[in-house]
Amino acid sequence: PAPPRRSRAEPLLQSMPLVRLFVQKTLNKPVPLVALQAKLCKVWGTTPQTTKIILTKVDDWTSEQFKEDVYVSVRAKATPERTRDVVLEHCRSVQAAFAEEGLIANVRLETYVGESYFHVPPAK
């Protein structure tokens, strides 16, 4: 049977997926990281303490049919709750969060198997 559906208020994860934002250096719109972080925390059911957003400004990228301001690349742990429908719904919510800030986002999400993930944070 399919896993039970979570309400928007229930956390989907115990930790936030890594979110990398790519923008062209020529972008004339602000990318408000703190405001976006708050919105993505609501989407993913996390807190700012577990949410990392990385902004990379690039000289250029290849032209595509999309006219995005921001390319959003998300890496997230594969879990039973993360069905294709749930992931796509959350990707649309991420896109809407950027739209609320006046930004057109091209959102991509890649999942990984937890046992294949390693992290060594800096010592305190």
Protein backbone atom coordinates (compact mmCIF):
# COMPACT_ATOMS: atom_id res chain seq x y z
CA PRO A 1 0.00 0.00 0.00
CA ALA A 2 1.05 3.61 -0.54
CA PRO A 3 2.42 5.52 2.46
CA PRO A 4 -0.07 7.82 4.19
CA ARG A 5 -0.27 11.31 2.74
CA ARG A 6 1.15 14.04 4.95
CA SER A 7 -0.55 17.35 5.50
CA ARG A 8 1.40 20.49 4.61
CA ALA A 9 1.94 21.17 8.30
CA GLU A 10 3.65 17.83 8.91
CA PRO A 11 7.42 17.73 8.29
CA LEU A 12 8.37 15.82 5.17
CA LEU A 13 11.96 15.52 6.34
CA GLN A 14 14.04 15.68 9.44
CA SER A 15 16.62 17.70 7.51
CA MET A 16 16.39 20.10 4.62
CA PRO A 17 17.52 19.12 1.16
CA LEU A 18 20.56 21.00 -0.09
CA VAL A 19 19.35 23.88 -2.25
CA ARG A 20 21.75 25.46 -4.74
CA LEU A 21 20.66 28.57 -6.60
CA PHE A 22 22.34 29.58 -9.82
CA VAL A 23 21.83 33.07 -11.25
CA GLN A 24 23.57 34.94 -14.01
CA LYS A 25 25.73 37.79 -12.76
CA THR A 26 23.73 40.09 -15.05
CA LEU A 27 20.44 39.42 -13.20
CA ASN A 28 19.02 42.80 -12.16
CA LYS A 29 16.60 41.41 -9.58
CA PRO A 30 17.39 40.77 -5.92
CA VAL A 31 17.54 37.17 -4.69
CA PRO A 32 16.42 37.53 -1.04
CA LEU A 33 18.01 34.48 0.58
CA VAL A 34 16.52 34.95 4.06
CA ALA A 35 12.98 35.38 2.71
CA LEU A 36 13.41 32.40 0.37
CA GLN A 37 14.84 30.31 3.21
CA ALA A 38 11.72 31.00 5.30
CA LYS A 39 9.44 30.06 2.40
CA LEU A 40 11.37 26.84 1.66
CA CYS A 41 11.25 25.88 5.34
CA LYS A 42 7.45 26.04 5.08
CA VAL A 43 7.48 23.91 1.92
CA TRP A 44 9.77 21.25 3.39
CA GLY A 45 8.60 21.45 7.03
CA THR A 46 12.04 22.41 8.38
CA THR A 47 13.65 25.21 10.37
CA PRO A 48 16.28 27.78 9.36
CA GLN A 49 18.83 25.91 11.50
CA THR A 50 18.56 22.88 9.20
CA THR A 51 18.17 24.80 5.97
CA LYS A 52 21.14 25.61 3.75
CA ILE A 53 20.73 27.67 0.61
CA ILE A 54 23.79 28.33 -1.53
CA LEU A 55 23.79 31.10 -4.14
CA THR A 56 26.22 30.85 -7.06
CA LYS A 57 26.52 33.71 -9.55
CA VAL A 58 27.67 32.58 -12.98
CA ASP A 59 28.94 34.43 -16.03
CA ASP A 60 26.64 32.61 -18.42
CA TRP A 61 24.74 29.39 -19.13
CA THR A 62 23.55 27.72 -22.28
CA SER A 63 20.40 29.10 -23.80
CA GLU A 64 17.33 26.92 -23.45
CA GLN A 65 13.63 27.31 -24.08
CA PHE A 66 13.16 28.51 -20.48
CA LYS A 67 13.54 32.14 -19.50
CA GLU A 68 14.36 31.52 -15.86
CA ASP A 69 15.94 34.02 -13.48
CA VAL A 70 17.11 31.28 -11.15
CA TYR A 71 18.08 27.66 -11.73
CA VAL A 72 17.24 25.80 -8.52
CA SER A 73 19.01 22.49 -7.95
CA VAL A 74 17.82 20.44 -4.99
CA ARG A 75 19.41 17.25 -3.62
CA ALA A 76 17.25 15.33 -1.20
CA LYS A 77 17.31 11.97 0.51
CA ALA A 78 15.10 9.35 -1.11
CA THR A 79 12.41 8.31 1.37
CA PRO A 80 9.23 6.26 1.05
CA GLU A 81 7.19 9.43 1.60
CA ARG A 82 8.89 11.10 -1.36
CA THR A 83 6.78 9.66 -4.10
CA ARG A 84 6.96 11.21 -7.55
CA ASP A 85 3.69 13.08 -6.94
CA VAL A 86 4.87 14.48 -3.58
CA VAL A 87 8.24 15.58 -5.00
CA LEU A 88 6.59 17.27 -7.99
CA GLU A 89 4.09 19.03 -5.70
CA HIS A 90 6.94 20.35 -3.55
CA CYS A 91 8.90 21.44 -6.63
CA ARG A 92 5.86 23.45 -7.74
CA SER A 93 5.67 24.97 -4.24
CA VAL A 94 9.35 25.92 -4.44
CA GLN A 95 8.70 27.52 -7.83
CA ALA A 96 5.75 29.45 -6.35
CA ALA A 97 7.94 30.67 -3.46
CA PHE A 98 10.35 32.19 -5.96
CA ALA A 99 7.47 33.69 -7.94
CA GLU A 100 6.27 35.44 -4.76
CA GLU A 101 9.68 37.16 -4.75
CA GLY A 102 9.34 38.16 -8.41
CA LEU A 103 11.68 35.45 -9.70
CA ILE A 104 11.11 32.84 -12.41
CA ALA A 105 12.59 29.57 -11.18
CA ASN A 106 13.52 26.44 -13.09
CA VAL A 107 13.40 23.77 -10.36
CA ARG A 108 15.19 20.41 -10.51
CA LEU A 109 15.26 17.83 -7.70
CA GLU A 110 17.53 14.80 -7.47
CA THR A 111 17.20 12.16 -4.75
CA TYR A 112 19.98 10.04 -3.26
CA VAL A 113 20.15 6.93 -1.06
CA GLY A 114 20.97 7.91 2.53
CA GLU A 115 23.62 5.24 3.02
CA SER A 116 25.56 6.80 0.13
CA TYR A 117 25.67 10.25 1.73
CA PHE A 118 28.55 11.50 3.88
CA HIS A 119 28.97 14.82 5.71
CA VAL A 120 31.73 16.17 7.95
CA PRO A 121 30.75 19.55 9.44
CA PRO A 122 33.44 21.90 10.80
CA ALA A 123 34.50 21.41 14.41
CA LYS A 124 32.94 23.81 16.91
